[in-house]
Amino acid sequence: MSIRALHYVFKIGDRKASYDFFTKVLQMKVLRHEEFEEGCAASCNGPYNGKWSKTMVGYGPEDDHFVIELTYNYEIGSYRLGNDYMGIFIESDELHKSIEGRPDARKLPCGKLQVLFPS
C-alpha cells in the first residue's frame, strides 16, 4: 500500500477570479463541483456555518493525481492572507511557454517562472 497526498485546500473569496486563474492561467480542468447548504461538521469549509461549495481542479483524475480544492463560502468576500503557504510548483514545459509571455509573470533566479494568484 502506498500513501500519497490527495489535495490541498485554498479558501477563495472571488470564485470567478480563482476559477479563471486555475483553469485559464494554470490550464487545470474542473474535475468536480459540489454545493452545500450548511457548514461541514468536520470544519471542511472552515469555521463557517453557511452555504459553501468546493471545486476540485487539477491535471488529471483525483484517483491518481494531486489536485487543488477551491473552497468558497458564500458569506465571505475575502480572507486575510497569511504566511502558511508559499506556492504551488508545477513542472511543465507547455505551461512554462504559455505563462512566459504574461505581463504578470516573473522569472526567478533559478530560471523558473512565477505568476501570482489574484485573490
C-alpha atoms as a PDB file:
ATOM      1  CA  MET A   1       0.000   0.000   0.000  1.00  0.00           C
ATOM      2  CA  SER A   2       1.376   3.416  -0.936  1.00  0.00           C
ATOM      3  CA  ILE A   3       0.497   6.653   0.796  1.00  0.00           C
ATOM      4  CA  ARG A   4       0.196   9.941  -1.072  1.00  0.00           C
ATOM      5  CA  ALA A   5      -1.133  13.444  -0.553  1.00  0.00           C
ATOM      6  CA  LEU A   6      -4.553  13.786  -2.200  1.00  0.00           C
ATOM      7  CA  HIS A   7      -5.206  17.514  -2.374  1.00  0.00           C
ATOM      8  CA  TYR A   8      -4.603  20.925  -0.857  1.00  0.00           C
ATOM      9  CA  VAL A   9      -7.407  23.314   0.094  1.00  0.00           C
ATOM     10  CA  PHE A  10      -7.500  27.013  -0.727  1.00  0.00           C
ATOM     11  CA  LYS A  11     -10.306  29.145   0.695  1.00  0.00           C
ATOM     12  CA  ILE A  12     -11.222  31.623  -2.023  1.00  0.00           C
ATOM     13  CA  GLY A  13     -13.131  34.903  -1.821  1.00  0.00           C
ATOM     14  CA  ASP A  14     -13.607  35.570  -5.540  1.00  0.00           C
ATOM     15  CA  ARG A  15     -14.785  32.404  -7.232  1.00  0.00           C
ATOM     16  CA  LYS A  16     -14.653  33.714 -10.821  1.00  0.00           C
ATOM     17  CA  ALA A  17     -11.110  35.122 -10.499  1.00  0.00           C
ATOM     18  CA  SER A  18      -9.967  31.890  -8.846  1.00  0.00           C
ATOM     19  CA  TYR A  19     -11.567  29.669 -11.497  1.00  0.00           C
ATOM     20  CA  ASP A  20     -10.054  31.810 -14.251  1.00  0.00           C
ATOM     21  CA  PHE A  21      -6.585  31.594 -12.675  1.00  0.00           C
ATOM     22  CA  PHE A  22      -6.595  27.828 -12.196  1.00  0.00           C
ATOM     23  CA  THR A  23      -8.322  26.926 -15.483  1.00  0.00           C
ATOM     24  CA  LYS A  24      -7.062  29.609 -17.877  1.00  0.00           C
ATOM     25  CA  VAL A  25      -3.638  30.539 -16.498  1.00  0.00           C
ATOM     26  CA  LEU A  26      -2.567  27.199 -14.988  1.00  0.00           C
ATOM     27  CA  GLN A  27      -4.648  25.219 -17.523  1.00  0.00           C
ATOM     28  CA  MET A  28      -6.158  22.883 -14.923  1.00  0.00           C
ATOM     29  CA  LYS A  29      -9.504  21.188 -15.508  1.00  0.00           C
ATOM     30  CA  VAL A  30     -12.528  21.356 -13.211  1.00  0.00           C
ATOM     31  CA  LEU A  31     -12.831  17.764 -12.005  1.00  0.00           C
ATOM     32  CA  ARG A  32     -15.947  18.133  -9.853  1.00  0.00           C
ATOM     33  CA  HIS A  33     -18.034  20.738  -8.071  1.00  0.00           C
ATOM     34  CA  GLU A  34     -20.262  20.317  -5.018  1.00  0.00           C
ATOM     35  CA  GLU A  35     -22.649  22.747  -3.288  1.00  0.00           C
ATOM     36  CA  PHE A  36     -23.567  22.584   0.406  1.00  0.00           C
ATOM     37  CA  GLU A  37     -26.383  24.419   2.197  1.00  0.00           C
ATOM     38  CA  GLU A  38     -24.748  24.468   5.639  1.00  0.00           C
ATOM     39  CA  GLY A  39     -21.325  24.183   7.241  1.00  0.00           C
ATOM     40  CA  CYS A  40     -19.393  20.933   7.453  1.00  0.00           C
ATOM     41  CA  ALA A  41     -19.293  19.180  10.860  1.00  0.00           C
ATOM     42  CA  ALA A  42     -15.591  18.420  10.294  1.00  0.00           C
ATOM     43  CA  SER A  43     -14.896  22.123   9.517  1.00  0.00           C
ATOM     44  CA  CYS A  44     -14.238  21.293   5.841  1.00  0.00           C
ATOM     45  CA  ASN A  45     -15.101  24.872   4.903  1.00  0.00           C
ATOM     46  CA  GLY A  46     -13.523  26.454   7.981  1.00  0.00           C
ATOM     47  CA  PRO A  47     -15.343  27.869  10.999  1.00  0.00           C
ATOM     48  CA  TYR A  48     -18.393  28.915   8.974  1.00  0.00           C
ATOM     49  CA  ASN A  49     -21.952  27.592   9.131  1.00  0.00           C
ATOM     50  CA  GLY A  50     -23.452  28.999   5.937  1.00  0.00           C
ATOM     51  CA  LYS A  51     -23.765  27.895   2.334  1.00  0.00           C
ATOM     52  CA  TRP A  52     -20.473  26.873   0.701  1.00  0.00           C
ATOM     53  CA  SER A  53     -19.042  24.968  -2.228  1.00  0.00           C
ATOM     54  CA  LYS A  54     -15.944  23.053  -3.151  1.00  0.00           C
ATOM     55  CA  THR A  55     -14.462  22.627  -6.587  1.00  0.00           C
ATOM     56  CA  MET A  56     -11.669  20.201  -7.347  1.00  0.00           C
ATOM     57  CA  VAL A  57      -9.250  21.283 -10.094  1.00  0.00           C
ATOM     58  CA  GLY A  58      -6.193  19.531 -11.462  1.00  0.00           C
ATOM     59  CA  TYR A  59      -4.392  17.957 -14.395  1.00  0.00           C
ATOM     60  CA  GLY A  60      -5.945  14.507 -14.118  1.00  0.00           C
ATOM     61  CA  PRO A  61      -8.372  12.321 -12.143  1.00  0.00           C
ATOM     62  CA  GLU A  62      -8.311  12.592  -8.351  1.00  0.00           C
ATOM     63  CA  ASP A  63      -7.677   8.851  -8.072  1.00  0.00           C
ATOM     64  CA  ASP A  64      -4.095   9.205  -9.266  1.00  0.00           C
ATOM     65  CA  HIS A  65      -3.257  12.932  -9.372  1.00  0.00           C
ATOM     66  CA  PHE A  66      -2.672  15.534  -6.686  1.00  0.00           C
ATOM     67  CA  VAL A  67      -5.431  18.156  -7.033  1.00  0.00           C
ATOM     68  CA  ILE A  68      -6.436  21.525  -5.600  1.00  0.00           C
ATOM     69  CA  GLU A  69      -9.698  22.045  -3.703  1.00  0.00           C
ATOM     70  CA  LEU A  70     -11.157  25.542  -4.010  1.00  0.00           C
ATOM     71  CA  THR A  71     -13.470  26.175  -1.050  1.00  0.00           C
ATOM     72  CA  TYR A  72     -15.892  29.073  -1.441  1.00  0.00           C
ATOM     73  CA  ASN A  73     -18.008  30.358   1.467  1.00  0.00           C
ATOM     74  CA  TYR A  74     -20.886  32.427   0.081  1.00  0.00           C
ATOM     75  CA  GLU A  75     -20.949  34.853   3.016  1.00  0.00           C
ATOM     76  CA  ILE A  76     -17.199  35.570   2.946  1.00  0.00           C
ATOM     77  CA  GLY A  77     -15.905  38.096   0.408  1.00  0.00           C
ATOM     78  CA  SER A  78     -12.214  37.799   1.202  1.00  0.00           C
ATOM     79  CA  TYR A  79      -9.709  36.290   3.611  1.00  0.00           C
ATOM     80  CA  ARG A  80      -6.760  37.813   5.401  1.00  0.00           C
ATOM     81  CA  LEU A  81      -3.656  36.460   3.722  1.00  0.00           C
ATOM     82  CA  GLY A  82      -1.311  34.552   5.970  1.00  0.00           C
ATOM     83  CA  ASN A  83       2.145  33.123   5.548  1.00  0.00           C
ATOM     84  CA  ASP A  84       1.425  29.413   5.772  1.00  0.00           C
ATOM     85  CA  TYR A  85       1.594  28.615   2.064  1.00  0.00           C
ATOM     86  CA  MET A  86       4.255  29.938  -0.269  1.00  0.00           C
ATOM     87  CA  GLY A  87       3.269  28.492  -3.637  1.00  0.00           C
ATOM     88  CA  ILE A  88       2.484  25.666  -5.968  1.00  0.00           C
ATOM     89  CA  PHE A  89       5.331  24.360  -8.078  1.00  0.00           C
ATOM     90  CA  ILE A  90       4.292  22.868 -11.411  1.00  0.00           C
ATOM     91  CA  GLU A  91       6.785  21.406 -13.841  1.00  0.00           C
ATOM     92  CA  SER A  92       5.526  21.571 -17.415  1.00  0.00           C
ATOM     93  CA  ASP A  93       7.334  22.888 -20.492  1.00  0.00           C
ATOM     94  CA  GLU A  94       3.990  23.596 -22.169  1.00  0.00           C
ATOM     95  CA  LEU A  95       2.683  25.590 -19.193  1.00  0.00           C
ATOM     96  CA  HIS A  96       6.022  27.417 -18.875  1.00  0.00           C
ATOM     97  CA  LYS A  97       5.752  28.559 -22.513  1.00  0.00           C
ATOM     98  CA  SER A  98       2.162  29.771 -22.101  1.00  0.00           C
ATOM     99  CA  ILE A  99       2.946  31.737 -18.926  1.00  0.00           C
ATOM    100  CA  GLU A 100       6.258  33.145 -20.178  1.00  0.00           C
ATOM    101  CA  GLY A 101       4.669  35.985 -22.164  1.00  0.00           C
ATOM    102  CA  ARG A 102       2.210  37.078 -19.481  1.00  0.00           C
ATOM    103  CA  PRO A 103       2.739  40.598 -18.087  1.00  0.00           C
ATOM    104  CA  ASP A 104       2.302  39.259 -14.527  1.00  0.00           C
ATOM    105  CA  ALA A 105       4.923  36.505 -14.942  1.00  0.00           C
ATOM    106  CA  ARG A 106       8.285  36.995 -13.266  1.00  0.00           C
ATOM    107  CA  LYS A 107      11.409  34.967 -13.972  1.00  0.00           C
ATOM    108  CA  LEU A 108      13.093  33.753 -10.786  1.00  0.00           C
ATOM    109  CA  PRO A 109      16.895  33.493 -10.391  1.00  0.00           C
ATOM    110  CA  CYS A 110      16.608  29.696 -10.728  1.00  0.00           C
ATOM    111  CA  GLY A 111      15.065  30.095 -14.207  1.00  0.00           C
ATOM    112  CA  LYS A 112      11.539  29.149 -13.147  1.00  0.00           C
ATOM    113  CA  LEU A 113       8.565  31.440 -13.710  1.00  0.00           C
ATOM    114  CA  GLN A 114       6.337  32.867 -11.019  1.00  0.00           C
ATOM    115  CA  VAL A 115       2.780  34.047 -11.551  1.00  0.00           C
ATOM    116  CA  LEU A 116       0.767  35.275  -8.587  1.00  0.00           C
ATOM    117  CA  PHE A 117      -2.714  34.167  -7.587  1.00  0.00           C
ATOM    118  CA  PRO A 118      -5.109  37.129  -7.994  1.00  0.00           C
ATOM    119  CA  SER A 119      -7.014  36.909  -4.700  1.00  0.00           C
END
